[in-house]
Amino acid sequence: MTFAPGRLAAALEEECLVALDRPATGLCVALSGGLDSTVLVAALARLRPAALSLPLRAIHVDHGLHADSALWARRCASLAATLGVPIEQLKVDARAKGGESPEAAAREARYAALASRLRPDEVLVTAHHADDQLETILLQWLRGGGLRAVAGMPAVARFASGWHARPLLAFARDELEAWAVRERLEWLEDPSNLDRRFDRNFLRLDVLPVLRRRWPAAARTVGRVAQQAAEALALEAELAAADLSAVAEGSTLGLGRLQALPVARQRWLLRAWLRRLGLPVPPAGTLAALLHDMQAAASDRVPCVNWPGARVYRYRGRLFGVSETGAEGTLQEGDWLPGTTYDLGALGRLELYPANGVGLSRERLPLSLRVTARVAGETFHPAGALHHRPLRKWLQEQGVLPWHRRRIPLVVAGNEIAAIGNLAYGASFGARPGEPSWIIAWDGRPAITEIEALEVKHDA
């Protein structure tokens, strides 16, 4: 397909704008000054006003990684002025941290900056083309990606307060360059694109030329495969959503119902469930280990499978997914003065609010309290009960999930437990009817009991 502004307009409309769930308010081009984004902004500017009814603007992100970055920013501003396109310039710190890929650091900094400046229902338009798609898919394959890797970059997706569109995916880079030469456009060449230390550059400079000599249409062929993979993913998502409605119990999964599904659907369902919980999806090997371990462990065990950012536990025939911080974050122990907020770290915070006849007695509660985690062997005398109970037994009876029991905040007065978070108050300090009192509020509290986890509602 030969590139021309008219073909860009058709691709933008048919592949991108038609997929939006509500009307766009404008287009914002990410302008680096290289060939691809120069062609994109020039062609979109050419389409006004006959074929492009949406407001058009540009953003240039200065990563500050090259000595000439200020010159590139000025060149982008000059190009935008020539085209009559408003431009916004942003500077970011894109330096990689220890162990971080320089490419990944620059990409994350760039997209974070773009997201911060995107207007409501505006479309961020980037110049990714067919050759970029080919590189992306090959890199993901080589890194062990699955069907999502084959699907590559989508033509349009939600992004920040609007969307991210890639209308050039149907065009090869040499087609863009031919049009740029014909239109006498000038663009910048980033010298870092020649650095073979970066995987994408090595692939682009050393591998793809060999592939194209053998298969000249490789980029377009892979583009068609990516579209088919995207359609397969959409069907998988529909089936997984239906299975999730049948298998999910609150924020948990019923293991018995999960096991009744074919193995492939179990994997799809687990991925959909983890995404719904906002947890990272593990590699295929970890997912297989999760399915095996959860089904094979003895019934009296609480098996756990973890990977960076997430943990999945089995408890009483259900699977519970929690963030790594939510499962293992350390309770911050310390003194607590009534009238102040106590920060629990990853578990939220505690506050005391005045009340009457409920909670803790203001007359009998010491002025200084201590917030601690469980150690072992504690006893607890709940308000309204006749006797002390081993704290371990009491937590079990209340359905507190095992991985939360060892760090649930105990509010201690002297040598006695005055309260367990906001779950229960101790008998010695429990308020009597009509007595001025405090109630404990636990803001940011996770679903720490089985009943709470079963009552959590999620959008499908």
Protein backbone atom coordinates (compact mmCIF):
# COMPACT_ATOMS: atom_id res chain seq x y z
CA MET A 1 0.00 0.00 0.00
CA THR A 2 1.56 3.28 -1.11
CA PHE A 3 1.47 5.95 1.57
CA ALA A 4 -0.54 9.12 0.97
CA PRO A 5 -2.47 11.46 3.30
CA GLY A 6 -5.75 10.12 1.95
CA ARG A 7 -4.78 6.57 2.85
CA LEU A 8 -3.71 7.77 6.30
CA ALA A 9 -7.13 9.38 6.76
CA ALA A 10 -8.83 6.11 5.83
CA ALA A 11 -6.61 4.10 8.19
CA LEU A 12 -7.19 6.57 11.02
CA GLU A 13 -10.94 6.44 10.55
CA GLU A 14 -11.42 2.74 9.77
CA GLU A 15 -8.84 1.22 12.13
CA CYS A 16 -8.76 3.70 15.00
CA LEU A 17 -11.53 6.25 15.43
CA VAL A 18 -14.30 3.78 14.60
CA ALA A 19 -13.20 1.65 17.59
CA LEU A 20 -13.64 4.43 20.16
CA ASP A 21 -16.49 4.02 22.63
CA ARG A 22 -17.31 7.74 22.50
CA PRO A 23 -16.35 10.68 20.25
CA ALA A 24 -12.78 11.94 20.39
CA THR A 25 -12.11 15.56 21.29
CA GLY A 26 -8.87 15.91 19.32
CA LEU A 27 -5.65 14.35 18.03
CA CYS A 28 -2.27 14.77 19.74
CA VAL A 29 0.78 13.62 17.75
CA ALA A 30 3.84 12.41 19.64
CA LEU A 31 6.51 14.25 17.61
CA SER A 32 10.11 13.14 18.00
CA GLY A 33 11.41 14.80 14.85
CA GLY A 34 12.40 11.51 13.22
CA LEU A 35 11.16 10.36 9.83
CA ASP A 36 8.07 8.51 11.06
CA SER A 37 6.55 11.18 13.30
CA THR A 38 7.51 13.92 10.81
CA VAL A 39 5.53 12.15 8.09
CA LEU A 40 2.62 11.57 10.46
CA VAL A 41 2.25 15.18 11.62
CA ALA A 42 2.80 16.58 8.12
CA ALA A 43 0.22 14.27 6.57
CA LEU A 44 -2.35 14.99 9.29
CA ALA A 45 -1.77 18.72 8.88
CA ARG A 46 -2.31 18.29 5.12
CA LEU A 47 -5.71 16.69 5.79
CA ARG A 48 -7.17 19.75 7.50
CA PRO A 49 -9.96 20.73 7.24
CA ALA A 50 -11.50 18.62 4.48
CA ALA A 51 -10.76 15.11 5.80
CA LEU A 52 -9.77 15.87 9.39
CA SER A 53 -12.45 17.52 11.49
CA LEU A 54 -10.69 17.03 14.84
CA PRO A 55 -8.34 19.61 16.41
CA LEU A 56 -4.69 18.67 15.89
CA ARG A 57 -1.72 19.39 18.13
CA ALA A 58 1.70 17.89 18.89
CA ILE A 59 3.84 17.11 21.92
CA HIS A 60 7.61 16.72 21.86
CA VAL A 61 9.29 14.95 24.78
CA ASP A 62 12.92 15.89 25.42
CA HIS A 63 14.56 12.94 27.18
CA GLY A 64 17.75 14.88 27.85
CA LEU A 65 19.85 11.83 26.96
CA HIS A 66 21.77 13.35 24.04
CA ALA A 67 23.88 16.47 23.68
CA ASP A 68 21.73 17.60 20.74
CA SER A 69 18.38 17.08 22.45
CA ALA A 70 17.79 20.83 22.77
CA LEU A 71 18.45 21.21 19.03
CA TRP A 72 15.90 18.45 18.29
CA ALA A 73 13.34 20.25 20.42
CA ARG A 74 13.89 23.48 18.45
CA ARG A 75 13.61 21.61 15.14
CA CYS A 76 10.30 20.06 16.21
CA ALA A 77 8.99 23.48 17.24
CA SER A 78 10.03 24.91 13.86
CA LEU A 79 8.34 22.06 11.96
CA ALA A 80 5.12 22.47 13.95
CA ALA A 81 5.11 26.22 13.32
CA THR A 82 5.59 25.67 9.58
CA LEU A 83 2.65 23.25 9.53
CA GLY A 84 0.47 25.49 11.70
CA VAL A 85 0.21 22.82 14.41
CA PRO A 86 0.31 23.90 18.08
CA ILE A 87 3.08 22.11 19.96
CA GLU A 88 3.87 21.51 23.62
CA GLN A 89 7.41 20.71 24.76
CA LEU A 90 8.09 18.49 27.77
CA LYS A 91 11.39 17.64 29.47
CA VAL A 92 11.78 14.40 31.42
CA ASP A 93 14.49 12.57 33.33
CA ALA A 94 14.80 9.33 31.35
CA ARG A 95 18.00 8.03 32.92
CA ALA A 96 17.85 4.32 33.66
CA LYS A 97 18.03 3.20 37.27
CA GLY A 98 20.20 0.32 38.43
CA GLY A 99 19.38 -2.86 36.50
CA GLU A 100 16.86 -1.09 34.25
CA SER A 101 17.01 -1.18 30.47
CA PRO A 102 17.83 2.27 29.00
CA GLU A 103 15.23 1.65 26.28
CA ALA A 104 12.57 0.76 28.85
CA ALA A 105 13.44 3.73 31.08
CA ALA A 106 13.16 6.19 28.17
CA ARG A 107 9.89 4.64 26.98
CA GLU A 108 8.31 4.72 30.44
CA ALA A 109 9.37 8.32 31.03
CA ARG A 110 8.06 9.36 27.62
CA TYR A 111 4.65 7.73 27.99
CA ALA A 112 4.26 8.96 31.55
CA ALA A 113 4.84 12.51 30.31
CA LEU A 114 2.42 12.07 27.41
CA ALA A 115 -0.22 10.58 29.70
CA SER A 116 0.07 13.53 32.08
CA ARG A 117 -0.66 16.00 29.27
CA LEU A 118 -3.33 14.13 27.31
CA ARG A 119 -6.68 15.88 27.48
CA PRO A 120 -9.97 14.08 28.29
CA ASP A 121 -11.11 11.92 25.35
CA GLU A 122 -8.15 13.04 23.23
CA VAL A 123 -6.34 10.55 20.99
CA LEU A 124 -2.57 10.24 21.29
CA VAL A 125 -1.34 9.39 17.79
CA THR A 126 2.06 7.73 17.39
CA ALA A 127 3.95 6.85 14.22
CA HIS A 128 4.48 3.11 14.72
CA HIS A 129 4.46 1.46 11.30
CA ALA A 130 4.50 -2.06 9.83
CA ASP A 131 8.24 -2.54 10.33
CA ASP A 132 7.94 -1.48 13.98
CA GLN A 133 5.18 -4.07 14.36
CA LEU A 134 7.40 -6.76 12.87
CA GLU A 135 10.26 -5.85 15.21
CA THR A 136 7.97 -5.81 18.24
CA ILE A 137 6.46 -9.21 17.50
CA LEU A 138 9.84 -10.84 16.84
CA LEU A 139 11.29 -9.38 20.04
CA GLN A 140 8.33 -10.61 22.06
CA TRP A 141 8.59 -14.07 20.51
CA LEU A 142 12.29 -14.24 21.35
CA ARG A 143 11.50 -13.22 24.92
CA GLY A 144 8.95 -16.01 25.29
CA GLY A 145 5.74 -14.09 24.65
CA GLY A 146 2.50 -15.93 23.87
CA LEU A 147 -0.57 -15.01 21.88
CA ARG A 148 -0.48 -11.41 23.10
CA ALA A 149 3.03 -11.13 21.69
CA VAL A 150 1.82 -12.40 18.32
CA ALA A 151 -0.95 -9.78 18.37
CA GLY A 152 1.69 -7.06 18.59
CA MET A 153 0.72 -3.43 19.04
CA PRO A 154 -3.01 -2.69 18.72
CA ALA A 155 -4.21 -0.06 16.27
CA VAL A 156 -6.08 1.62 19.12
CA ALA A 157 -6.28 1.16 22.89
CA ARG A 158 -7.32 3.09 25.97
CA PHE A 159 -4.58 5.40 27.24
CA ALA A 160 -4.65 7.79 30.21
CA SER A 161 -7.80 9.95 29.88
CA GLY A 162 -8.23 9.12 26.20
CA TRP A 163 -6.83 6.67 23.67
CA HIS A 164 -3.62 5.70 21.89
CA ALA A 165 -3.90 5.22 18.11
CA ARG A 166 -1.36 3.88 15.60
CA PRO A 167 -2.76 4.63 12.11
CA LEU A 168 0.51 3.86 10.27
CA LEU A 169 0.61 0.13 11.07
CA ALA A 170 -0.48 -0.68 7.51
CA PHE A 171 2.48 1.18 5.97
CA ALA A 172 6.14 0.16 5.66
CA ARG A 173 8.94 2.55 6.57
CA ASP A 174 10.26 2.77 3.01
CA GLU A 175 6.81 3.98 1.89
CA LEU A 176 6.90 6.72 4.50
CA GLU A 177 10.41 7.70 3.44
CA ALA A 178 9.45 7.81 -0.26
CA TRP A 179 6.58 10.21 0.53
CA ALA A 180 8.81 12.36 2.77
CA VAL A 181 11.41 12.68 0.02
CA ARG A 182 8.75 13.53 -2.55
CA GLU A 183 7.30 16.21 -0.25
CA ARG A 184 10.81 17.54 0.55
CA LEU A 185 10.39 17.03 4.25
CA GLU A 186 13.38 17.20 6.57
CA TRP A 187 13.79 14.98 9.59
CA LEU A 188 16.30 14.12 12.30
CA GLU A 189 18.33 10.93 12.64
CA ASP A 190 18.92 9.75 16.19
CA PRO A 191 22.47 8.31 16.37
CA SER A 192 21.39 5.95 19.15
CA ASN A 193 19.38 4.04 16.53
CA LEU A 194 22.72 2.69 15.25
CA ASP A 195 23.77 1.29 18.63
CA ARG A 196 23.64 -2.50 18.27
CA ARG A 197 23.79 -2.99 22.03
CA PHE A 198 20.05 -2.44 22.03
CA ASP A 199 18.04 -5.51 21.00
CA ARG A 200 15.68 -3.62 18.71
CA ASN A 201 18.54 -1.95 16.84
CA PHE A 202 20.35 -5.28 16.40
CA LEU A 203 17.19 -6.81 15.02
CA ARG A 204 16.53 -3.86 12.71
CA LEU A 205 20.09 -3.51 11.41
CA ASP A 206 21.37 -7.09 11.24
CA VAL A 207 18.45 -9.53 11.21
CA LEU A 208 15.53 -7.97 9.35
CA PRO A 209 17.50 -7.08 6.19
CA VAL A 210 18.29 -10.79 5.77
CA LEU A 211 14.67 -11.76 6.35
CA ARG A 212 13.40 -9.21 3.85
CA ARG A 213 15.74 -10.44 1.15
CA ARG A 214 14.12 -13.84 1.48
CA TRP A 215 10.58 -12.66 2.34
CA PRO A 216 10.10 -9.09 1.03
CA ALA A 217 6.52 -8.90 2.32
CA ALA A 218 7.41 -10.06 5.86
CA ALA A 219 6.10 -6.92 7.60
CA ARG A 220 2.69 -7.06 5.90
CA THR A 221 2.40 -10.82 6.39
CA VAL A 222 3.15 -10.52 10.09
CA GLY A 223 0.68 -7.65 10.28
CA ARG A 224 -2.08 -9.95 9.03
CA VAL A 225 -1.06 -12.61 11.54
CA ALA A 226 -1.15 -9.97 14.29
CA GLN A 227 -4.70 -9.05 13.31
CA GLN A 228 -5.76 -12.70 13.45
CA ALA A 229 -4.10 -13.08 16.86
CA ALA A 230 -5.90 -9.97 18.11
CA GLU A 231 -9.23 -11.45 16.99
CA ALA A 232 -8.38 -14.72 18.75
CA LEU A 233 -7.56 -12.77 21.91
CA ALA A 234 -10.91 -11.00 21.73
CA LEU A 235 -12.71 -14.34 21.50
CA GLU A 236 -10.61 -15.71 24.36
CA ALA A 237 -11.52 -12.67 26.47
CA GLU A 238 -15.24 -13.21 25.83
CA LEU A 239 -15.05 -16.87 26.80
CA ALA A 240 -12.89 -16.12 29.86
CA ALA A 241 -15.35 -13.45 30.99
CA ALA A 242 -18.23 -15.93 30.77
CA ASP A 243 -16.23 -18.55 32.69
CA LEU A 244 -15.24 -15.95 35.27
CA SER A 245 -18.88 -15.14 35.97
CA ALA A 246 -19.52 -18.83 36.64
CA VAL A 247 -16.38 -19.59 38.67
CA ALA A 248 -15.68 -16.38 40.61
CA GLU A 249 -16.92 -16.01 44.18
CA GLY A 250 -16.37 -12.36 45.08
CA SER A 251 -12.68 -11.72 44.52
CA THR A 252 -11.87 -15.46 44.74
CA LEU A 253 -12.13 -18.45 42.41
CA GLY A 254 -13.88 -21.67 43.34
CA LEU A 255 -11.25 -24.33 42.71
CA GLY A 256 -13.75 -27.11 42.08
CA ARG A 257 -15.52 -25.19 39.33
CA LEU A 258 -12.17 -24.13 37.88
CA GLN A 259 -11.03 -27.76 37.67
CA ALA A 260 -14.21 -28.70 35.80
CA LEU A 261 -13.09 -26.61 32.81
CA PRO A 262 -10.72 -27.84 30.08
CA VAL A 263 -7.09 -27.02 30.91
CA ALA A 264 -6.78 -24.35 28.21
CA ARG A 265 -9.83 -22.53 29.57
CA GLN A 266 -8.44 -22.80 33.09
CA ARG A 267 -5.36 -20.89 31.91
CA TRP A 268 -7.46 -18.25 30.12
CA LEU A 269 -9.65 -17.86 33.19
CA LEU A 270 -6.71 -17.48 35.56
CA ARG A 271 -5.19 -14.75 33.36
CA ALA A 272 -8.53 -12.91 33.18
CA TRP A 273 -8.99 -13.21 36.97
CA LEU A 274 -5.51 -11.87 37.72
CA ARG A 275 -6.02 -8.92 35.39
CA ARG A 276 -9.35 -8.15 37.04
CA LEU A 277 -7.59 -8.06 40.41
CA GLY A 278 -4.97 -5.71 38.96
CA LEU A 279 -2.20 -8.30 39.41
CA PRO A 280 0.60 -9.09 36.93
CA VAL A 281 0.06 -12.21 34.83
CA PRO A 282 2.92 -14.72 35.29
CA PRO A 283 4.83 -16.59 32.57
CA ALA A 284 3.30 -19.79 31.20
CA GLY A 285 5.53 -21.99 33.36
CA THR A 286 4.48 -20.26 36.57
CA LEU A 287 0.83 -20.46 35.53
CA ALA A 288 1.18 -24.22 34.95
CA ALA A 289 2.85 -24.59 38.37
CA LEU A 290 0.00 -22.65 39.95
CA LEU A 291 -2.62 -24.98 38.48
CA HIS A 292 -0.66 -28.06 39.54
CA ASP A 293 0.20 -26.95 43.06
CA MET A 294 -3.27 -25.70 43.91
CA GLN A 295 -4.81 -29.01 42.87
CA ALA A 296 -2.12 -31.35 44.23
CA ALA A 297 -1.55 -29.91 47.73
CA ALA A 298 -3.09 -31.77 50.66
CA SER A 299 -6.49 -30.48 51.77
CA ASP A 300 -5.18 -29.23 55.13
CA ARG A 301 -2.45 -27.09 53.54
CA VAL A 302 -2.52 -23.46 52.37
CA PRO A 303 -0.31 -23.62 49.27
CA CYS A 304 1.08 -20.42 47.79
CA VAL A 305 2.53 -19.68 44.36
CA ASN A 306 4.23 -16.33 43.95
CA TRP A 307 5.95 -14.31 41.24
CA PRO A 308 7.07 -10.65 41.11
CA GLY A 309 4.14 -8.49 42.20
CA ALA A 310 1.64 -11.20 43.13
CA ARG A 311 0.78 -14.22 45.24
CA VAL A 312 -2.02 -16.77 44.91
CA TYR A 313 -3.12 -18.84 47.92
CA ARG A 314 -5.54 -21.74 48.19
CA TYR A 315 -7.73 -21.69 51.27
CA ARG A 316 -10.87 -23.72 51.96
CA GLY A 317 -11.31 -24.70 48.33
CA ARG A 318 -10.87 -21.21 46.87
CA LEU A 319 -8.05 -19.27 45.24
CA PHE A 320 -7.16 -15.85 46.65
CA GLY A 321 -4.99 -13.43 44.69
CA VAL A 322 -3.13 -10.65 46.50
CA SER A 323 -0.40 -8.21 45.62
CA GLU A 324 3.04 -9.05 46.90
CA THR A 325 2.92 -5.95 49.11
CA GLY A 326 -0.60 -6.82 50.27
CA ALA A 327 0.55 -10.28 51.32
CA GLU A 328 3.94 -9.60 52.78
CA GLY A 329 4.14 -5.89 53.62
CA THR A 330 5.53 -5.37 57.10
CA LEU A 331 3.27 -3.94 59.77
CA GLN A 332 4.79 -0.76 61.16
CA GLU A 333 4.83 -1.13 64.93
CA GLY A 334 4.96 1.80 67.32
CA ASP A 335 3.25 4.03 69.88
CA TRP A 336 -0.14 5.58 69.14
CA LEU A 337 -1.64 8.60 70.86
CA PRO A 338 -5.43 9.02 70.76
CA GLY A 339 -6.34 11.87 68.42
CA THR A 340 -3.56 11.05 65.96
CA THR A 341 -3.52 8.89 62.83
CA TYR A 342 -1.46 5.71 62.95
CA ASP A 343 0.20 4.73 59.66
CA LEU A 344 0.19 0.95 59.08
CA GLY A 345 2.26 1.12 55.90
CA ALA A 346 0.86 -1.11 53.14
CA LEU A 347 -2.10 -2.01 55.38
CA GLY A 348 -3.56 1.50 55.56
CA ARG A 349 -4.00 3.60 58.70
CA LEU A 350 -5.88 3.64 62.00
CA GLU A 351 -7.82 6.57 63.45
CA LEU A 352 -9.90 7.06 66.61
CA TYR A 353 -13.25 8.82 66.34
CA PRO A 354 -15.34 9.97 69.33
CA ALA A 355 -18.55 8.06 69.98
CA ASN A 356 -20.87 7.20 72.85
CA GLY A 357 -21.26 3.77 74.40
CA VAL A 358 -19.53 1.80 71.65
CA GLY A 359 -15.91 0.87 71.00
CA LEU A 360 -13.31 1.76 73.62
CA SER A 361 -13.94 3.69 76.85
CA ARG A 362 -12.36 7.13 76.79
CA GLU A 363 -12.30 7.11 80.60
CA ARG A 364 -10.49 3.81 81.04
CA LEU A 365 -8.26 3.75 77.96
CA PRO A 366 -4.66 4.87 78.64
CA LEU A 367 -3.39 7.95 76.83
CA SER A 368 -0.60 5.97 75.22
CA LEU A 369 -1.29 2.86 73.16
CA ARG A 370 0.99 0.49 71.29
CA VAL A 371 0.32 -1.01 67.85
CA THR A 372 2.03 -4.37 67.33
CA ALA A 373 1.84 -7.49 65.20
CA ARG A 374 1.20 -10.98 66.58
CA VAL A 375 4.08 -12.85 68.11
CA ALA A 376 2.78 -16.17 69.49
CA GLY A 377 0.73 -17.31 72.42
CA GLU A 378 -1.34 -14.14 72.93
CA THR A 379 -4.78 -14.36 74.46
CA PHE A 380 -7.75 -12.08 73.84
CA HIS A 381 -10.85 -11.39 75.92
CA PRO A 382 -13.46 -9.92 73.52
CA ALA A 383 -15.98 -7.45 74.89
CA GLY A 384 -19.18 -9.31 75.74
CA ALA A 385 -17.46 -12.69 76.13
CA LEU A 386 -16.99 -14.50 79.44
CA HIS A 387 -13.44 -15.74 79.02
CA HIS A 388 -10.09 -15.15 77.37
CA ARG A 389 -9.41 -17.06 74.14
CA PRO A 390 -6.13 -17.91 72.47
CA LEU A 391 -5.75 -15.20 69.84
CA ARG A 392 -4.85 -17.82 67.23
CA LYS A 393 -8.19 -19.59 67.78
CA TRP A 394 -10.14 -16.35 67.79
CA LEU A 395 -8.68 -15.27 64.43
CA GLN A 396 -9.53 -18.65 62.93
CA GLU A 397 -13.11 -18.44 64.20
CA GLN A 398 -13.50 -14.97 62.71
CA GLY A 399 -12.35 -16.24 59.32
CA VAL A 400 -9.26 -14.01 59.15
CA LEU A 401 -7.24 -15.28 56.20
CA PRO A 402 -4.05 -17.09 57.27
CA TRP A 403 -1.62 -14.78 55.44
CA HIS A 404 -3.12 -11.74 57.25
CA ARG A 405 -3.15 -13.24 60.74
CA ARG A 406 0.54 -12.78 61.47
CA ARG A 407 0.47 -9.03 60.81
CA ILE A 408 -3.00 -7.90 61.82
CA PRO A 409 -2.61 -4.75 63.96
CA LEU A 410 -3.10 -5.34 67.66
CA VAL A 411 -3.85 -2.21 69.71
CA VAL A 412 -2.28 -2.86 73.10
CA ALA A 413 -2.93 -0.95 76.35
CA GLY A 414 -0.45 -1.90 79.05
CA ASN A 415 -0.09 -5.66 78.66
CA GLU A 416 -3.58 -6.28 77.34
CA ILE A 417 -5.05 -6.29 73.82
CA ALA A 418 -7.52 -3.40 73.72
CA ALA A 419 -8.54 -3.95 70.10
CA ILE A 420 -7.77 -6.06 67.05
CA GLY A 421 -7.71 -3.54 64.23
CA ASN A 422 -11.35 -2.53 63.92
CA LEU A 423 -12.57 -6.13 64.14
CA ALA A 424 -13.13 -6.34 67.89
CA TYR A 425 -12.57 -4.55 71.21
CA GLY A 426 -11.21 -6.00 74.45
CA ALA A 427 -13.44 -6.54 77.47
CA SER A 428 -11.33 -4.46 79.90
CA PHE A 429 -11.62 -1.32 77.77
CA GLY A 430 -14.94 -1.87 76.03
CA ALA A 431 -17.31 1.10 76.45
CA ARG A 432 -20.39 0.72 78.62
CA PRO A 433 -23.78 2.11 77.53
CA GLY A 434 -23.76 5.92 77.62
CA GLU A 435 -20.01 6.09 78.31
CA PRO A 436 -17.86 8.48 76.20
CA SER A 437 -15.90 6.28 73.85
CA TRP A 438 -13.65 5.89 70.83
CA ILE A 439 -14.28 3.78 67.77
CA ILE A 440 -11.43 2.68 65.57
CA ALA A 441 -11.57 3.35 61.82
CA TRP A 442 -9.20 1.37 59.62
CA ASP A 443 -8.83 3.24 56.33
CA GLY A 444 -7.31 1.34 53.42
CA ARG A 445 -8.00 -1.98 55.06
CA PRO A 446 -7.69 -4.96 52.71
CA ALA A 447 -10.25 -7.77 52.61
CA ILE A 448 -8.71 -9.65 55.50
CA THR A 449 -11.51 -12.14 56.22
CA GLU A 450 -12.91 -14.86 54.03
CA ILE A 451 -16.38 -13.31 54.12
CA GLU A 452 -15.04 -9.95 52.98
CA ALA A 453 -13.18 -11.56 50.08
CA LEU A 454 -16.37 -13.33 49.01
CA GLU A 455 -18.33 -10.09 49.15
CA VAL A 456 -15.92 -8.04 47.02
CA LYS A 457 -17.60 -6.92 43.80
CA HIS A 458 -15.69 -6.54 40.55
CA ASP A 459 -16.79 -5.33 37.17
CA ALA A 460 -16.66 -8.11 34.61
